[in-house]
Amino acid sequence: MGIPTHEDAKLMLQLFRTRQEPRFLENENWFLREFRPGPWSEVSHRYPAGTQERNRLDSVLGYWELVGALIDHGLLSEDLLFDVLNDTRPLWERIEPWVIEARAEQGNDTWENIEILVERQRRWRQLHRPKSTRL
């Protein structure tokens, strides 16, 4: 994607504000520290729809699904996002064990934008040297 625009910057600021909201921070911390991944049958049983834990899971995955969709549709600059975004691999590592099974139950597009986001970031990092090595 070309040079980031002012619209990209505005969207990035909105995304980062959302990520700094106390409730989202709480949900993301729960996801990274307390969520126990495993096969989808266990995840869906352990975190059934309508529970606080499932709402937390859906909040975090929904946010990253949105970010991935923005990247996939060219509505947000990859260069700008990946220049500041921490590694998305921990996110993917927590859902990868069960995403195929979840897709079989919920549809082939389940969390596909998260997978796209993680893969695009991986490729971006292969093509871009860290700035500290370019100074």
N, C-alpha and C. Protein backbone atom coordinates (compact mmCIF):
# COMPACT_ATOMS: atom_id res chain seq x y z
N MET A 1 0.86 -1.17 0.00
CA MET A 1 0.00 0.00 0.00
C MET A 1 0.90 1.22 0.00
N GLY A 2 0.55 2.27 -0.63
CA GLY A 2 1.38 3.46 -0.78
C GLY A 2 1.66 4.20 0.51
N ILE A 3 2.00 5.42 0.36
CA ILE A 3 2.32 6.28 1.49
C ILE A 3 1.07 6.45 2.36
N PRO A 4 1.21 6.29 3.68
CA PRO A 4 0.05 6.47 4.57
C PRO A 4 -0.52 7.88 4.43
N THR A 5 -1.83 7.95 4.53
CA THR A 5 -2.54 9.22 4.39
C THR A 5 -2.96 9.75 5.77
N HIS A 6 -3.48 10.97 5.76
CA HIS A 6 -4.03 11.53 6.99
C HIS A 6 -5.23 10.71 7.46
N GLU A 7 -5.99 10.16 6.52
CA GLU A 7 -7.12 9.30 6.89
C GLU A 7 -6.63 8.03 7.58
N ASP A 8 -5.52 7.46 7.10
CA ASP A 8 -4.93 6.31 7.77
C ASP A 8 -4.56 6.67 9.21
N ALA A 9 -3.96 7.84 9.38
CA ALA A 9 -3.54 8.28 10.72
C ALA A 9 -4.76 8.46 11.63
N LYS A 10 -5.81 9.04 11.13
CA LYS A 10 -7.02 9.23 11.94
C LYS A 10 -7.61 7.88 12.35
N LEU A 11 -7.66 6.96 11.42
CA LEU A 11 -8.19 5.63 11.72
C LEU A 11 -7.30 4.92 12.74
N MET A 12 -6.00 5.04 12.59
CA MET A 12 -5.08 4.44 13.55
C MET A 12 -5.31 5.00 14.95
N LEU A 13 -5.48 6.29 15.05
CA LEU A 13 -5.73 6.90 16.36
C LEU A 13 -7.03 6.39 16.97
N GLN A 14 -8.06 6.21 16.15
CA GLN A 14 -9.31 5.66 16.64
C GLN A 14 -9.12 4.22 17.13
N LEU A 15 -8.39 3.43 16.37
CA LEU A 15 -8.14 2.04 16.76
C LEU A 15 -7.36 1.97 18.07
N PHE A 16 -6.37 2.82 18.21
CA PHE A 16 -5.57 2.79 19.43
C PHE A 16 -6.34 3.34 20.62
N ARG A 17 -7.21 4.30 20.40
CA ARG A 17 -8.06 4.78 21.50
C ARG A 17 -8.97 3.65 22.00
N THR A 18 -9.55 2.94 21.06
CA THR A 18 -10.41 1.81 21.41
C THR A 18 -9.62 0.79 22.22
N ARG A 19 -8.43 0.53 21.79
CA ARG A 19 -7.60 -0.46 22.47
C ARG A 19 -7.17 -0.01 23.86
N GLN A 20 -7.20 1.28 24.13
CA GLN A 20 -6.82 1.81 25.44
C GLN A 20 -8.00 1.96 26.39
N GLU A 21 -9.20 1.70 25.93
CA GLU A 21 -10.36 1.78 26.80
C GLU A 21 -10.22 0.73 27.90
N PRO A 22 -10.51 1.11 29.15
CA PRO A 22 -10.31 0.18 30.27
C PRO A 22 -10.96 -1.19 30.07
N ARG A 23 -12.17 -1.20 29.55
CA ARG A 23 -12.84 -2.50 29.37
C ARG A 23 -12.12 -3.37 28.35
N PHE A 24 -11.66 -2.76 27.26
CA PHE A 24 -10.95 -3.55 26.26
C PHE A 24 -9.62 -4.04 26.82
N LEU A 25 -8.91 -3.18 27.53
CA LEU A 25 -7.65 -3.59 28.14
C LEU A 25 -7.86 -4.77 29.08
N GLU A 26 -8.92 -4.71 29.85
CA GLU A 26 -9.24 -5.81 30.76
C GLU A 26 -9.51 -7.10 29.97
N ASN A 27 -10.28 -6.97 28.90
CA ASN A 27 -10.59 -8.14 28.07
C ASN A 27 -9.34 -8.71 27.41
N GLU A 28 -8.49 -7.85 26.90
CA GLU A 28 -7.28 -8.33 26.23
C GLU A 28 -6.31 -8.95 27.23
N ASN A 29 -6.20 -8.37 28.41
CA ASN A 29 -5.35 -8.97 29.44
C ASN A 29 -5.88 -10.34 29.84
N TRP A 30 -7.18 -10.45 29.98
CA TRP A 30 -7.78 -11.76 30.27
C TRP A 30 -7.44 -12.76 29.17
N PHE A 31 -7.60 -12.33 27.93
CA PHE A 31 -7.35 -13.22 26.80
C PHE A 31 -5.90 -13.70 26.79
N LEU A 32 -4.97 -12.82 27.05
CA LEU A 32 -3.55 -13.18 26.97
C LEU A 32 -3.05 -13.92 28.22
N ARG A 33 -3.74 -13.76 29.35
CA ARG A 33 -3.23 -14.35 30.60
C ARG A 33 -4.08 -15.50 31.14
N GLU A 34 -5.39 -15.41 30.96
CA GLU A 34 -6.27 -16.39 31.61
C GLU A 34 -7.01 -17.31 30.65
N PHE A 35 -7.24 -16.86 29.43
CA PHE A 35 -7.94 -17.69 28.45
C PHE A 35 -7.16 -18.97 28.23
N ARG A 36 -7.86 -20.09 28.27
CA ARG A 36 -7.21 -21.38 28.07
C ARG A 36 -7.63 -21.97 26.73
N PRO A 37 -6.74 -21.88 25.75
CA PRO A 37 -7.08 -22.45 24.45
C PRO A 37 -7.04 -23.98 24.49
N GLY A 38 -7.56 -24.56 23.48
CA GLY A 38 -7.59 -26.01 23.32
C GLY A 38 -8.45 -26.30 22.12
N PRO A 39 -8.94 -27.51 21.97
CA PRO A 39 -9.86 -27.80 20.87
C PRO A 39 -11.13 -26.95 20.99
N TRP A 40 -11.76 -26.63 19.88
CA TRP A 40 -12.95 -25.79 19.87
C TRP A 40 -14.05 -26.36 20.75
N SER A 41 -14.20 -27.67 20.76
CA SER A 41 -15.24 -28.27 21.59
C SER A 41 -15.03 -27.91 23.05
N GLU A 42 -13.79 -27.86 23.51
CA GLU A 42 -13.50 -27.47 24.89
C GLU A 42 -13.68 -25.96 25.08
N VAL A 43 -13.21 -25.18 24.13
CA VAL A 43 -13.33 -23.72 24.24
C VAL A 43 -14.79 -23.32 24.29
N SER A 44 -15.60 -23.85 23.39
CA SER A 44 -17.02 -23.47 23.36
C SER A 44 -17.76 -23.98 24.59
N HIS A 45 -17.31 -25.10 25.16
CA HIS A 45 -17.93 -25.60 26.39
C HIS A 45 -17.49 -24.78 27.61
N ARG A 46 -16.21 -24.46 27.66
CA ARG A 46 -15.65 -23.71 28.79
C ARG A 46 -16.14 -22.26 28.79
N TYR A 47 -16.35 -21.69 27.59
CA TYR A 47 -16.76 -20.29 27.45
C TYR A 47 -18.04 -20.22 26.62
N PRO A 48 -19.17 -20.66 27.16
CA PRO A 48 -20.41 -20.67 26.37
C PRO A 48 -20.92 -19.27 26.05
N ALA A 49 -21.67 -19.17 24.97
CA ALA A 49 -22.25 -17.90 24.55
C ALA A 49 -23.03 -17.27 25.70
N GLY A 50 -22.88 -15.96 25.83
CA GLY A 50 -23.61 -15.21 26.84
C GLY A 50 -22.88 -15.04 28.16
N THR A 51 -21.78 -15.78 28.35
CA THR A 51 -21.03 -15.63 29.59
C THR A 51 -20.06 -14.47 29.49
N GLN A 52 -19.61 -13.98 30.63
CA GLN A 52 -18.66 -12.87 30.63
C GLN A 52 -17.38 -13.26 29.89
N GLU A 53 -16.92 -14.47 30.09
CA GLU A 53 -15.69 -14.91 29.44
C GLU A 53 -15.86 -14.97 27.93
N ARG A 54 -17.01 -15.45 27.46
CA ARG A 54 -17.24 -15.52 26.01
C ARG A 54 -17.34 -14.11 25.43
N ASN A 55 -17.97 -13.20 26.18
CA ASN A 55 -18.05 -11.81 25.72
C ASN A 55 -16.65 -11.20 25.63
N ARG A 56 -15.78 -11.53 26.58
CA ARG A 56 -14.40 -11.05 26.53
C ARG A 56 -13.69 -11.60 25.30
N LEU A 57 -13.86 -12.88 25.09
CA LEU A 57 -13.24 -13.53 23.93
C LEU A 57 -13.74 -12.89 22.64
N ASP A 58 -15.05 -12.71 22.53
CA ASP A 58 -15.62 -12.10 21.32
C ASP A 58 -15.16 -10.66 21.15
N SER A 59 -15.00 -9.93 22.24
CA SER A 59 -14.53 -8.54 22.16
C SER A 59 -13.13 -8.47 21.57
N VAL A 60 -12.24 -9.27 22.09
CA VAL A 60 -10.85 -9.25 21.62
C VAL A 60 -10.76 -9.74 20.19
N LEU A 61 -11.37 -10.87 19.91
CA LEU A 61 -11.28 -11.40 18.54
C LEU A 61 -12.01 -10.51 17.55
N GLY A 62 -13.11 -9.91 17.97
CA GLY A 62 -13.84 -9.00 17.09
C GLY A 62 -13.02 -7.78 16.72
N TYR A 63 -12.30 -7.23 17.70
CA TYR A 63 -11.44 -6.08 17.44
C TYR A 63 -10.38 -6.43 16.39
N TRP A 64 -9.68 -7.54 16.61
CA TRP A 64 -8.60 -7.91 15.69
C TRP A 64 -9.15 -8.37 14.34
N GLU A 65 -10.34 -8.93 14.33
CA GLU A 65 -10.99 -9.28 13.07
C GLU A 65 -11.26 -8.01 12.26
N LEU A 66 -11.71 -6.96 12.94
CA LEU A 66 -11.95 -5.67 12.28
C LEU A 66 -10.66 -5.09 11.72
N VAL A 67 -9.60 -5.08 12.52
CA VAL A 67 -8.31 -4.56 12.04
C VAL A 67 -7.84 -5.35 10.82
N GLY A 68 -7.97 -6.67 10.89
CA GLY A 68 -7.59 -7.50 9.74
C GLY A 68 -8.41 -7.20 8.51
N ALA A 69 -9.70 -6.96 8.68
CA ALA A 69 -10.56 -6.62 7.54
C ALA A 69 -10.16 -5.28 6.93
N LEU A 70 -9.83 -4.31 7.77
CA LEU A 70 -9.38 -3.01 7.25
C LEU A 70 -8.11 -3.17 6.42
N ILE A 71 -7.20 -3.99 6.89
CA ILE A 71 -5.97 -4.25 6.14
C ILE A 71 -6.28 -5.01 4.85
N ASP A 72 -7.09 -6.04 4.95
CA ASP A 72 -7.40 -6.87 3.78
C ASP A 72 -8.08 -6.07 2.67
N HIS A 73 -8.89 -5.10 3.04
CA HIS A 73 -9.61 -4.31 2.04
C HIS A 73 -8.87 -3.03 1.64
N GLY A 74 -7.65 -2.88 2.12
CA GLY A 74 -6.85 -1.71 1.74
C GLY A 74 -7.34 -0.40 2.33
N LEU A 75 -8.05 -0.48 3.45
CA LEU A 75 -8.59 0.73 4.06
C LEU A 75 -7.69 1.31 5.14
N LEU A 76 -6.60 0.63 5.42
CA LEU A 76 -5.63 1.08 6.40
C LEU A 76 -4.25 0.70 5.91
N SER A 77 -3.33 1.61 6.01
CA SER A 77 -1.97 1.39 5.54
C SER A 77 -1.27 0.31 6.36
N GLU A 78 -0.82 -0.74 5.69
CA GLU A 78 -0.02 -1.77 6.36
C GLU A 78 1.24 -1.16 6.94
N ASP A 79 1.89 -0.29 6.19
CA ASP A 79 3.13 0.32 6.66
C ASP A 79 2.91 1.06 7.97
N LEU A 80 1.85 1.83 8.05
CA LEU A 80 1.59 2.58 9.28
C LEU A 80 1.22 1.64 10.42
N LEU A 81 0.33 0.70 10.18
CA LEU A 81 -0.10 -0.21 11.25
C LEU A 81 1.07 -1.05 11.76
N PHE A 82 1.78 -1.69 10.85
CA PHE A 82 2.82 -2.62 11.28
C PHE A 82 4.07 -1.92 11.80
N ASP A 83 4.19 -0.63 11.51
CA ASP A 83 5.30 0.14 12.06
C ASP A 83 5.15 0.30 13.57
N VAL A 84 3.91 0.30 14.07
CA VAL A 84 3.69 0.53 15.50
C VAL A 84 3.06 -0.65 16.23
N LEU A 85 2.51 -1.60 15.50
CA LEU A 85 1.79 -2.72 16.13
C LEU A 85 2.76 -3.76 16.67
N ASN A 86 2.52 -4.16 17.92
CA ASN A 86 3.29 -5.26 18.48
C ASN A 86 3.01 -6.53 17.69
N ASP A 87 3.77 -7.54 17.96
CA ASP A 87 3.65 -8.82 17.28
C ASP A 87 2.27 -9.42 17.48
N THR A 88 1.62 -9.83 16.41
CA THR A 88 0.30 -10.44 16.49
C THR A 88 0.37 -11.96 16.68
N ARG A 89 1.56 -12.52 16.64
CA ARG A 89 1.67 -13.98 16.79
C ARG A 89 1.08 -14.51 18.09
N PRO A 90 1.27 -13.84 19.25
CA PRO A 90 0.64 -14.38 20.47
C PRO A 90 -0.88 -14.52 20.35
N LEU A 91 -1.51 -13.57 19.66
CA LEU A 91 -2.94 -13.66 19.41
C LEU A 91 -3.26 -14.91 18.61
N TRP A 92 -2.55 -15.09 17.51
CA TRP A 92 -2.81 -16.23 16.64
C TRP A 92 -2.50 -17.55 17.34
N GLU A 93 -1.45 -17.58 18.12
CA GLU A 93 -1.08 -18.82 18.83
C GLU A 93 -2.17 -19.26 19.80
N ARG A 94 -2.96 -18.32 20.29
CA ARG A 94 -4.03 -18.66 21.23
C ARG A 94 -5.29 -19.16 20.53
N ILE A 95 -5.46 -18.81 19.26
CA ILE A 95 -6.66 -19.29 18.56
C ILE A 95 -6.36 -20.37 17.52
N GLU A 96 -5.14 -20.46 17.08
CA GLU A 96 -4.80 -21.44 16.04
C GLU A 96 -5.18 -22.87 16.41
N PRO A 97 -5.00 -23.30 17.68
CA PRO A 97 -5.33 -24.69 18.00
C PRO A 97 -6.80 -25.06 17.76
N TRP A 98 -7.69 -24.08 17.74
CA TRP A 98 -9.11 -24.41 17.60
C TRP A 98 -9.83 -23.73 16.45
N VAL A 99 -9.13 -22.90 15.70
CA VAL A 99 -9.84 -22.12 14.68
C VAL A 99 -10.39 -23.00 13.56
N ILE A 100 -9.68 -24.05 13.17
CA ILE A 100 -10.18 -24.92 12.09
C ILE A 100 -11.49 -25.59 12.52
N GLU A 101 -11.51 -26.08 13.75
CA GLU A 101 -12.72 -26.72 14.28
C GLU A 101 -13.86 -25.70 14.41
N ALA A 102 -13.54 -24.49 14.84
CA ALA A 102 -14.57 -23.43 14.95
C ALA A 102 -15.12 -23.10 13.57
N ARG A 103 -14.25 -23.07 12.57
CA ARG A 103 -14.70 -22.78 11.21
C ARG A 103 -15.63 -23.87 10.68
N ALA A 104 -15.34 -25.11 11.03
CA ALA A 104 -16.20 -26.21 10.60
C ALA A 104 -17.61 -26.06 11.17
N GLU A 105 -17.68 -25.52 12.38
CA GLU A 105 -18.98 -25.35 13.04
C GLU A 105 -19.65 -24.03 12.68
N GLN A 106 -18.87 -22.96 12.57
CA GLN A 106 -19.46 -21.62 12.42
C GLN A 106 -19.34 -21.03 11.02
N GLY A 107 -18.54 -21.61 10.17
CA GLY A 107 -18.38 -21.09 8.82
C GLY A 107 -16.91 -20.88 8.49
N ASN A 108 -16.56 -21.09 7.25
CA ASN A 108 -15.17 -21.03 6.81
C ASN A 108 -14.52 -19.67 6.97
N ASP A 109 -15.32 -18.63 7.15
CA ASP A 109 -14.74 -17.29 7.28
C ASP A 109 -14.50 -16.88 8.74
N THR A 110 -14.74 -17.78 9.68
CA THR A 110 -14.56 -17.46 11.09
C THR A 110 -13.11 -17.08 11.37
N TRP A 111 -12.92 -15.88 11.85
CA TRP A 111 -11.62 -15.31 12.25
C TRP A 111 -10.60 -15.29 11.12
N GLU A 112 -11.07 -15.30 9.87
CA GLU A 112 -10.14 -15.30 8.74
C GLU A 112 -9.36 -13.99 8.63
N ASN A 113 -9.95 -12.88 9.04
CA ASN A 113 -9.23 -11.61 8.95
C ASN A 113 -8.11 -11.51 9.97
N ILE A 114 -8.26 -12.21 11.09
CA ILE A 114 -7.16 -12.28 12.05
C ILE A 114 -6.00 -13.05 11.42
N GLU A 115 -6.31 -14.14 10.78
CA GLU A 115 -5.27 -14.93 10.13
C GLU A 115 -4.58 -14.12 9.03
N ILE A 116 -5.35 -13.38 8.27
CA ILE A 116 -4.80 -12.50 7.23
C ILE A 116 -3.88 -11.45 7.86
N LEU A 117 -4.34 -10.84 8.95
CA LEU A 117 -3.55 -9.81 9.64
C LEU A 117 -2.21 -10.37 10.09
N VAL A 118 -2.22 -11.52 10.72
CA VAL A 118 -0.98 -12.13 11.22
C VAL A 118 -0.04 -12.47 10.07
N GLU A 119 -0.57 -13.00 9.00
CA GLU A 119 0.27 -13.36 7.85
C GLU A 119 0.84 -12.11 7.18
N ARG A 120 0.03 -11.08 7.02
CA ARG A 120 0.52 -9.85 6.40
C ARG A 120 1.61 -9.20 7.26
N GLN A 121 1.44 -9.23 8.58
CA GLN A 121 2.47 -8.67 9.44
C GLN A 121 3.76 -9.48 9.33
N ARG A 122 3.63 -10.79 9.27
CA ARG A 122 4.82 -11.63 9.12
C ARG A 122 5.58 -11.28 7.83
N ARG A 123 4.85 -11.16 6.73
CA ARG A 123 5.48 -10.79 5.45
C ARG A 123 6.07 -9.39 5.50
N TRP A 124 5.34 -8.46 6.10
CA TRP A 124 5.82 -7.08 6.20
C TRP A 124 7.14 -7.04 6.95
N ARG A 125 7.24 -7.78 8.03
CA ARG A 125 8.47 -7.80 8.82
C ARG A 125 9.64 -8.42 8.06
N GLN A 126 9.35 -9.34 7.18
CA GLN A 126 10.41 -9.93 6.36
C GLN A 126 10.97 -8.90 5.37
N LEU A 127 10.13 -8.00 4.92
CA LEU A 127 10.52 -7.01 3.92
C LEU A 127 11.09 -5.72 4.49
N HIS A 128 10.88 -5.47 5.78
CA HIS A 128 11.29 -4.21 6.39
C HIS A 128 12.29 -4.45 7.52
N ARG A 129 13.44 -3.88 7.34
CA ARG A 129 14.44 -3.94 8.42
C ARG A 129 14.04 -2.99 9.54
N PRO A 130 14.35 -3.34 10.76
CA PRO A 130 14.06 -2.40 11.86
C PRO A 130 14.77 -1.07 11.64
N LYS A 131 14.13 0.00 12.02
CA LYS A 131 14.68 1.34 11.83
C LYS A 131 16.04 1.50 12.52
N SER A 132 16.19 0.85 13.66
CA SER A 132 17.46 0.98 14.40
C SER A 132 18.65 0.47 13.58
N THR A 133 18.39 -0.42 12.63
CA THR A 133 19.48 -0.91 11.79
C THR A 133 19.72 -0.01 10.59
N ARG A 134 18.83 0.96 10.39
CA ARG A 134 18.96 1.88 9.25
C ARG A 134 19.49 3.24 9.65
N LEU A 135 19.70 3.47 10.92
CA LEU A 135 20.14 4.80 11.38
C LEU A 135 21.61 5.02 11.11
